[in-house]
Protein backbone atom coordinates (compact mmCIF):
# COMPACT_ATOMS: atom_id res chain seq x y z
CA MET A 1 75.84 -14.67 275.70
CA ARG A 2 77.51 -11.93 277.74
CA VAL A 3 78.71 -8.64 276.25
CA GLY A 4 81.31 -6.69 278.20
CA VAL A 5 81.84 -2.94 278.19
CA VAL A 6 85.35 -1.84 279.19
CA GLY A 7 84.59 -0.03 282.44
CA VAL A 8 87.79 1.77 283.30
CA GLN A 9 86.85 5.22 281.94
CA GLY A 10 84.38 6.85 279.52
CA ASP A 11 80.68 6.48 278.78
CA VAL A 12 80.41 3.00 280.26
CA SER A 13 76.85 3.11 281.66
CA GLU A 14 75.48 4.49 278.36
CA HIS A 15 76.94 1.51 276.48
CA VAL A 16 75.75 -1.05 279.05
CA ASP A 17 72.26 0.45 278.76
CA ALA A 18 72.34 0.50 274.92
CA VAL A 19 73.56 -3.13 274.76
CA ARG A 20 70.86 -4.25 277.21
CA ARG A 21 68.16 -2.47 275.19
CA ALA A 22 69.52 -4.01 271.95
CA ILE A 23 69.48 -7.45 273.61
CA ARG A 24 65.82 -6.98 274.57
CA SER A 25 64.77 -5.64 271.17
CA GLY A 26 66.63 -8.44 269.38
CA GLY A 27 65.16 -11.12 271.62
CA TYR A 28 68.58 -12.43 272.67
CA SER A 29 69.26 -14.46 275.80
CA ALA A 30 72.15 -12.34 276.99
CA ASP A 31 73.40 -9.67 279.38
CA ALA A 32 75.81 -6.74 279.40
CA ILE A 33 78.38 -6.13 282.14
CA ALA A 34 81.08 -3.59 282.89
CA VAL A 35 84.58 -5.09 282.57
CA ARG A 36 87.02 -3.71 285.13
CA ARG A 37 89.20 -6.74 285.94
CA LEU A 38 90.57 -9.81 284.25
CA SER A 39 87.94 -12.07 285.82
CA ASP A 40 85.20 -9.90 284.19
CA LEU A 41 86.91 -10.10 280.79
CA GLN A 42 87.16 -13.88 280.98
CA ARG A 43 83.36 -14.12 281.39
CA VAL A 44 82.38 -12.23 278.20
CA ASP A 45 81.76 -13.38 274.62
CA ALA A 46 82.14 -9.92 273.07
CA LEU A 47 83.43 -6.53 274.13
CA THR A 48 82.70 -2.85 273.65
CA ILE A 49 85.43 -0.26 274.14
CA PRO A 50 83.55 2.99 274.80
CA GLY A 51 84.26 6.61 274.09
CA GLY A 52 86.26 8.56 276.64
CA GLU A 53 89.90 9.59 276.64
CA SER A 54 91.94 7.12 274.57
CA THR A 55 95.25 7.67 276.38
CA THR A 56 93.61 7.17 279.77
CA ILE A 57 91.72 4.05 278.68
CA SER A 58 94.89 2.59 277.16
CA LYS A 59 96.94 3.22 280.31
CA LEU A 60 94.24 1.79 282.56
CA LEU A 61 93.87 -1.32 280.39
CA VAL A 62 97.60 -1.89 280.90
CA LYS A 63 97.48 -1.05 284.63
CA PHE A 64 94.60 -3.44 285.32
CA GLY A 65 96.16 -6.27 283.29
CA LEU A 66 93.47 -6.18 280.60
CA PHE A 67 95.40 -4.91 277.57
CA GLU A 68 97.16 -8.12 276.53
CA GLU A 69 94.09 -10.26 277.24
CA VAL A 70 91.83 -8.03 275.12
CA HIS A 71 94.38 -8.34 272.32
CA ARG A 72 94.64 -12.11 272.72
CA ARG A 73 90.86 -12.64 272.83
CA ALA A 74 90.35 -10.45 269.75
CA GLU A 75 93.03 -12.38 267.85
CA ALA A 76 91.13 -15.57 268.83
CA GLY A 77 87.94 -14.15 267.28
CA MET A 78 86.11 -12.31 270.06
CA PRO A 79 83.94 -9.55 268.50
CA ILE A 80 84.78 -6.00 269.60
CA LEU A 81 82.93 -2.74 268.99
CA GLY A 82 85.15 0.30 269.58
CA THR A 83 83.51 3.73 269.61
CA CYS A 84 85.34 7.07 269.52
CA ALA A 85 88.27 6.41 271.90
CA GLY A 86 87.68 2.69 271.31
CA CYS A 87 87.98 3.29 267.56
CA ILE A 88 91.39 4.88 268.12
CA LEU A 89 92.59 1.97 270.28
CA LEU A 90 91.59 -0.65 267.69
CA ALA A 91 93.74 0.97 264.97
CA LYS A 92 97.16 -0.23 263.84
CA GLU A 93 98.31 3.34 263.16
CA GLY A 94 97.71 6.59 265.04
CA ASP A 95 98.53 10.20 264.26
CA ASP A 96 101.14 12.52 265.83
CA GLU A 97 98.86 13.10 268.83
CA VAL A 98 98.76 9.37 269.57
CA SER A 99 102.58 9.28 269.40
CA LYS A 100 102.98 12.43 271.52
CA THR A 101 100.76 11.11 274.31
CA GLY A 102 102.37 7.65 274.27
CA THR A 103 98.99 5.99 273.72
CA LYS A 104 99.47 2.24 273.32
CA LEU A 105 97.16 0.99 270.56
CA LEU A 106 95.70 -2.51 270.49
CA GLY A 107 96.66 -2.61 266.80
CA LEU A 108 93.91 -5.01 265.79
CA MET A 109 92.42 -3.34 262.71
CA ASP A 110 94.10 -2.53 259.39
CA MET A 111 93.41 1.20 259.62
CA ALA A 112 94.97 4.53 260.56
CA VAL A 113 93.24 7.16 262.69
CA ASP A 114 93.40 10.91 263.20
CA ARG A 115 92.67 11.34 266.91
CA ASN A 116 90.92 14.74 266.88
CA ALA A 117 89.93 14.91 263.21
CA PHE A 118 86.73 16.84 263.85
CA GLY A 119 88.11 19.27 266.43
CA ARG A 120 87.78 19.73 270.16
CA GLN A 121 84.79 19.32 272.48
CA ARG A 122 83.19 22.61 271.38
CA GLU A 123 83.17 21.40 267.75
CA SER A 124 81.00 18.39 268.62
CA PHE A 125 78.09 17.85 266.23
CA GLU A 126 75.50 15.40 264.89
CA ALA A 127 75.02 14.18 261.32
CA ASP A 128 72.97 11.65 259.38
CA LEU A 129 75.15 8.91 257.89
CA ASP A 130 74.57 6.43 255.10
CA VAL A 131 75.77 3.12 256.53
CA THR A 132 76.18 0.24 254.09
CA ILE A 133 74.82 -2.37 256.52
CA LEU A 134 71.66 -0.39 257.39
CA ASP A 135 68.50 0.22 255.39
CA ARG A 136 68.19 3.93 256.24
CA PRO A 137 70.47 6.73 257.54
CA PHE A 138 71.89 6.56 261.06
CA HIS A 139 72.04 9.72 263.19
CA GLY A 140 75.66 9.90 264.38
CA VAL A 141 76.74 11.84 267.47
CA PHE A 142 80.32 13.12 267.13
CA ILE A 143 82.03 14.29 270.33
CA ARG A 144 85.69 15.30 269.94
CA ALA A 145 85.65 12.59 267.32
CA PRO A 146 88.45 10.81 265.51
CA ALA A 147 88.32 9.80 261.86
CA ILE A 148 89.67 6.76 260.12
CA THR A 149 92.08 8.20 257.56
CA ARG A 150 92.69 5.02 255.60
CA THR A 151 92.05 1.29 255.61
CA TRP A 152 93.90 -1.62 254.03
CA GLY A 153 93.91 -5.41 254.09
CA ARG A 154 90.64 -6.85 255.39
CA CYS A 155 89.36 -3.58 256.91
CA THR A 156 86.36 -2.20 255.02
CA PRO A 157 84.73 1.24 255.36
CA LEU A 158 81.00 1.09 256.22
CA ALA A 159 80.22 4.82 256.44
CA LYS A 160 81.82 8.14 255.52
CA LEU A 161 81.21 11.75 256.43
CA GLY A 162 82.44 13.71 253.44
CA ASP A 163 85.73 12.05 252.53
CA ARG A 164 86.43 10.79 256.07
CA ILE A 165 85.70 7.20 257.10
CA VAL A 166 83.65 7.10 260.32
CA LEU A 167 82.68 3.41 260.55
CA ALA A 168 84.72 0.37 259.52
CA ARG A 169 84.69 -3.39 259.93
CA GLN A 170 87.36 -6.06 259.86
CA ASP A 171 85.93 -9.54 260.41
CA ASP A 172 84.24 -9.31 263.85
CA LEU A 173 85.90 -6.03 264.81
CA VAL A 174 83.95 -2.79 264.34
CA ALA A 175 85.31 0.75 264.75
CA SER A 176 83.01 3.77 265.01
CA ALA A 177 84.25 7.37 265.16
CA PHE A 178 80.83 8.43 266.50
CA HIS A 179 78.76 7.41 269.54
CA PRO A 180 75.95 5.01 268.50
CA GLU A 181 74.98 4.57 272.16
CA LEU A 182 73.93 8.25 272.36
CA SER A 183 71.74 8.32 269.26
CA GLY A 184 68.70 6.50 270.62
CA ASP A 185 68.96 4.23 267.56
CA LEU A 186 69.90 0.65 268.47
CA ARG A 187 70.56 -0.67 264.95
CA ILE A 188 74.37 -0.66 265.14
CA HIS A 189 74.31 -2.40 268.53
CA GLU A 190 71.74 -4.90 267.22
CA TRP A 191 73.89 -5.58 264.15
CA PHE A 192 76.96 -6.01 266.37
CA LEU A 193 75.09 -8.53 268.56
CA GLY A 194 74.42 -10.50 265.39
CA LEU A 195 78.20 -10.91 264.96
CA VAL A 196 78.60 -12.43 268.42
């Protein structure tokens, strides 16, 4: 098994490290690699789209010829974990900010997002979250975080912060408004590996 981390922009090394640690702790025979070109993408069984700047990641996915292939592979059942910017890109609907910046969404999950729902960089924070798939709270790190404003179809909320959805799943696609790779807690990555 090989898990790719989109490596065009964002917290790539943090995700590669978290996936590798989750692989070790779960006893999997697997590896994690950064995906920067089409040949990298064709070698992976699952993908993580990290946090970063969603418009930049979207444009670079298009520029490097990865956008359509990520979409095609996801439609064929490849598991994807999208965190923060990755959460935005997985959504079928964005907010005014997504429209204004011309961010091209992958449109894979039946959900709408608010790009800067929790404010700018200086409003970053941490919070304990009750996650339906976990046995105890998960400490979420929110950095200029989006929120999932609504879900429909097969997309199911897994965690909320107040009345805002911050973690959702649709089949083998998972969208997180927070950064699980920065928490020191591997449970979300371990659970994701179980989907692969």
